[in-house]
Amino acid sequence: MPKTHDETKRLVDRAEKCRVLAGIVTNRGAAKSYLKLADSYEALAEEERKLFTLRKIRAELFAPTGRPAK
């Protein structure tokens, strides 16, 4: 499994945990902070997905032979 995929999964898992914590804590400020952190982790995961896709496309377009990979 590519490293970027692992990183994406880790970030999504952290976002989910933050959302669970937001539902558990009784302090509204803390809950809002956990939700904001979850949103940030989700945004980072989306950027990792884009990066993974970009690298994949580049690898296909610029194969070591200088011609597109088949």
N, C-alpha and C. Protein backbone atom coordinates (compact mmCIF):
# COMPACT_ATOMS: atom_id res chain seq x y z
N MET A 1 0.84 -1.18 0.00
CA MET A 1 0.00 0.00 0.00
C MET A 1 0.89 1.24 0.00
N PRO A 2 0.63 2.20 -0.88
CA PRO A 2 1.46 3.40 -0.93
C PRO A 2 1.43 4.17 0.38
N LYS A 3 2.54 4.80 0.68
CA LYS A 3 2.66 5.55 1.93
C LYS A 3 1.60 6.65 2.06
N THR A 4 1.31 7.34 0.95
CA THR A 4 0.33 8.42 0.99
C THR A 4 -1.04 7.89 1.38
N HIS A 5 -1.39 6.70 0.90
CA HIS A 5 -2.67 6.11 1.27
C HIS A 5 -2.72 5.85 2.77
N ASP A 6 -1.63 5.37 3.32
CA ASP A 6 -1.55 5.13 4.77
C ASP A 6 -1.73 6.43 5.54
N GLU A 7 -1.11 7.48 5.06
CA GLU A 7 -1.21 8.79 5.71
C GLU A 7 -2.65 9.31 5.65
N THR A 8 -3.28 9.14 4.51
CA THR A 8 -4.67 9.57 4.36
C THR A 8 -5.56 8.84 5.35
N LYS A 9 -5.38 7.54 5.45
CA LYS A 9 -6.18 6.74 6.38
C LYS A 9 -5.94 7.20 7.82
N ARG A 10 -4.70 7.45 8.16
CA ARG A 10 -4.38 7.89 9.52
C ARG A 10 -5.06 9.23 9.83
N LEU A 11 -5.05 10.15 8.88
CA LEU A 11 -5.67 11.45 9.09
C LEU A 11 -7.19 11.34 9.24
N VAL A 12 -7.80 10.49 8.43
CA VAL A 12 -9.25 10.29 8.52
C VAL A 12 -9.60 9.64 9.86
N ASP A 13 -8.80 8.68 10.30
CA ASP A 13 -9.02 8.04 11.60
C ASP A 13 -8.94 9.07 12.73
N ARG A 14 -7.98 9.97 12.66
CA ARG A 14 -7.86 11.00 13.69
C ARG A 14 -9.06 11.94 13.69
N ALA A 15 -9.54 12.26 12.50
CA ALA A 15 -10.73 13.12 12.39
C ALA A 15 -11.93 12.44 13.06
N GLU A 16 -12.10 11.15 12.80
CA GLU A 16 -13.20 10.41 13.41
C GLU A 16 -13.09 10.39 14.93
N LYS A 17 -11.88 10.20 15.43
CA LYS A 17 -11.68 10.18 16.88
C LYS A 17 -11.99 11.54 17.50
N CYS A 18 -11.61 12.60 16.81
CA CYS A 18 -11.91 13.94 17.31
C CYS A 18 -13.42 14.17 17.36
N ARG A 19 -14.13 13.67 16.37
CA ARG A 19 -15.60 13.83 16.37
C ARG A 19 -16.23 13.05 17.51
N VAL A 20 -15.70 11.87 17.79
CA VAL A 20 -16.20 11.08 18.92
C VAL A 20 -15.94 11.84 20.22
N LEU A 21 -14.74 12.36 20.37
CA LEU A 21 -14.41 13.12 21.58
C LEU A 21 -15.30 14.35 21.73
N ALA A 22 -15.60 15.00 20.61
CA ALA A 22 -16.48 16.18 20.65
C ALA A 22 -17.85 15.81 21.18
N GLY A 23 -18.29 14.61 20.89
CA GLY A 23 -19.59 14.15 21.39
C GLY A 23 -19.57 13.71 22.84
N ILE A 24 -18.39 13.48 23.37
CA ILE A 24 -18.27 12.99 24.75
C ILE A 24 -18.05 14.12 25.75
N VAL A 25 -17.20 15.06 25.39
CA VAL A 25 -16.86 16.12 26.35
C VAL A 25 -18.08 16.99 26.66
N THR A 26 -18.12 17.49 27.86
CA THR A 26 -19.26 18.31 28.28
C THR A 26 -18.99 19.80 28.10
N ASN A 27 -17.76 20.17 27.96
CA ASN A 27 -17.41 21.58 27.76
C ASN A 27 -17.63 21.94 26.29
N ARG A 28 -18.51 22.92 26.05
CA ARG A 28 -18.84 23.31 24.67
C ARG A 28 -17.62 23.83 23.91
N GLY A 29 -16.77 24.58 24.59
CA GLY A 29 -15.57 25.10 23.94
C GLY A 29 -14.65 23.99 23.48
N ALA A 30 -14.49 22.99 24.34
CA ALA A 30 -13.65 21.84 23.99
C ALA A 30 -14.26 21.06 22.83
N ALA A 31 -15.57 20.91 22.86
CA ALA A 31 -16.25 20.19 21.77
C ALA A 31 -16.05 20.92 20.44
N LYS A 32 -16.18 22.23 20.46
CA LYS A 32 -15.98 23.01 19.23
C LYS A 32 -14.54 22.87 18.74
N SER A 33 -13.61 22.86 19.68
CA SER A 33 -12.20 22.70 19.30
C SER A 33 -11.94 21.34 18.66
N TYR A 34 -12.53 20.30 19.24
CA TYR A 34 -12.37 18.96 18.66
C TYR A 34 -12.98 18.90 17.26
N LEU A 35 -14.12 19.54 17.06
CA LEU A 35 -14.75 19.54 15.73
C LEU A 35 -13.91 20.32 14.72
N LYS A 36 -13.33 21.42 15.17
CA LYS A 36 -12.46 22.19 14.29
C LYS A 36 -11.22 21.37 13.91
N LEU A 37 -10.67 20.68 14.89
CA LEU A 37 -9.52 19.82 14.64
C LEU A 37 -9.89 18.69 13.67
N ALA A 38 -11.08 18.12 13.85
CA ALA A 38 -11.55 17.07 12.93
C ALA A 38 -11.64 17.60 11.51
N ASP A 39 -12.19 18.79 11.35
CA ASP A 39 -12.28 19.40 10.02
C ASP A 39 -10.89 19.60 9.41
N SER A 40 -9.95 20.00 10.25
CA SER A 40 -8.57 20.20 9.77
C SER A 40 -7.94 18.88 9.32
N TYR A 41 -8.16 17.83 10.09
CA TYR A 41 -7.64 16.52 9.69
C TYR A 41 -8.26 16.05 8.38
N GLU A 42 -9.56 16.29 8.21
CA GLU A 42 -10.23 15.93 6.96
C GLU A 42 -9.66 16.71 5.78
N ALA A 43 -9.39 17.99 5.98
CA ALA A 43 -8.81 18.81 4.91
C ALA A 43 -7.42 18.30 4.54
N LEU A 44 -6.63 17.94 5.54
CA LEU A 44 -5.30 17.38 5.28
C LEU A 44 -5.41 16.06 4.52
N ALA A 45 -6.37 15.23 4.90
CA ALA A 45 -6.58 13.95 4.21
C ALA A 45 -6.94 14.18 2.75
N GLU A 46 -7.78 15.17 2.49
CA GLU A 46 -8.16 15.48 1.11
C GLU A 46 -6.94 15.94 0.30
N GLU A 47 -6.08 16.74 0.91
CA GLU A 47 -4.86 17.17 0.22
C GLU A 47 -3.95 15.99 -0.06
N GLU A 48 -3.88 15.03 0.85
CA GLU A 48 -3.08 13.82 0.64
C GLU A 48 -3.64 13.01 -0.52
N ARG A 49 -4.98 12.93 -0.62
CA ARG A 49 -5.60 12.21 -1.73
C ARG A 49 -5.23 12.87 -3.06
N LYS A 50 -5.29 14.20 -3.09
CA LYS A 50 -4.94 14.93 -4.31
C LYS A 50 -3.48 14.70 -4.67
N LEU A 51 -2.62 14.73 -3.68
CA LEU A 51 -1.20 14.51 -3.92
C LEU A 51 -0.95 13.11 -4.47
N PHE A 52 -1.63 12.13 -3.91
CA PHE A 52 -1.51 10.75 -4.37
C PHE A 52 -1.93 10.64 -5.84
N THR A 53 -3.05 11.27 -6.18
CA THR A 53 -3.54 11.25 -7.55
C THR A 53 -2.57 11.94 -8.50
N LEU A 54 -2.05 13.08 -8.08
CA LEU A 54 -1.09 13.82 -8.90
C LEU A 54 0.16 12.99 -9.16
N ARG A 55 0.68 12.35 -8.13
CA ARG A 55 1.88 11.52 -8.30
C ARG A 55 1.61 10.34 -9.24
N LYS A 56 0.42 9.77 -9.11
CA LYS A 56 0.06 8.64 -9.96
C LYS A 56 -0.01 9.08 -11.42
N ILE A 57 -0.64 10.22 -11.68
CA ILE A 57 -0.74 10.73 -13.05
C ILE A 57 0.64 11.06 -13.61
N ARG A 58 1.46 11.71 -12.80
CA ARG A 58 2.82 12.04 -13.25
C ARG A 58 3.60 10.78 -13.61
N ALA A 59 3.47 9.76 -12.78
CA ALA A 59 4.19 8.50 -13.03
C ALA A 59 3.72 7.87 -14.34
N GLU A 60 2.43 7.97 -14.62
CA GLU A 60 1.90 7.41 -15.86
C GLU A 60 2.35 8.23 -17.08
N LEU A 61 2.37 9.53 -16.94
CA LEU A 61 2.73 10.38 -18.07
C LEU A 61 4.22 10.41 -18.36
N PHE A 62 5.00 10.33 -17.32
CA PHE A 62 6.44 10.45 -17.49
C PHE A 62 7.16 9.20 -17.01
N ALA A 63 6.91 8.13 -17.74
CA ALA A 63 7.57 6.86 -17.43
C ALA A 63 9.06 7.03 -17.67
N PRO A 64 9.92 6.21 -17.06
CA PRO A 64 11.36 6.33 -17.22
C PRO A 64 11.85 6.34 -18.67
N THR A 65 11.09 5.76 -19.57
CA THR A 65 11.50 5.72 -20.98
C THR A 65 11.25 7.04 -21.69
N GLY A 66 10.53 7.95 -21.03
CA GLY A 66 10.20 9.22 -21.65
C GLY A 66 8.90 9.17 -22.40
N ARG A 67 8.30 7.99 -22.45
CA ARG A 67 7.00 7.82 -23.11
C ARG A 67 5.96 7.46 -22.07
N PRO A 68 4.71 7.77 -22.34
CA PRO A 68 3.64 7.39 -21.39
C PRO A 68 3.63 5.89 -21.13
N ALA A 69 3.37 5.53 -19.90
CA ALA A 69 3.25 4.11 -19.54
C ALA A 69 1.97 3.55 -20.12
N LYS A 70 1.98 2.27 -20.43
CA LYS A 70 0.77 1.62 -20.98
C LYS A 70 0.09 0.83 -19.91
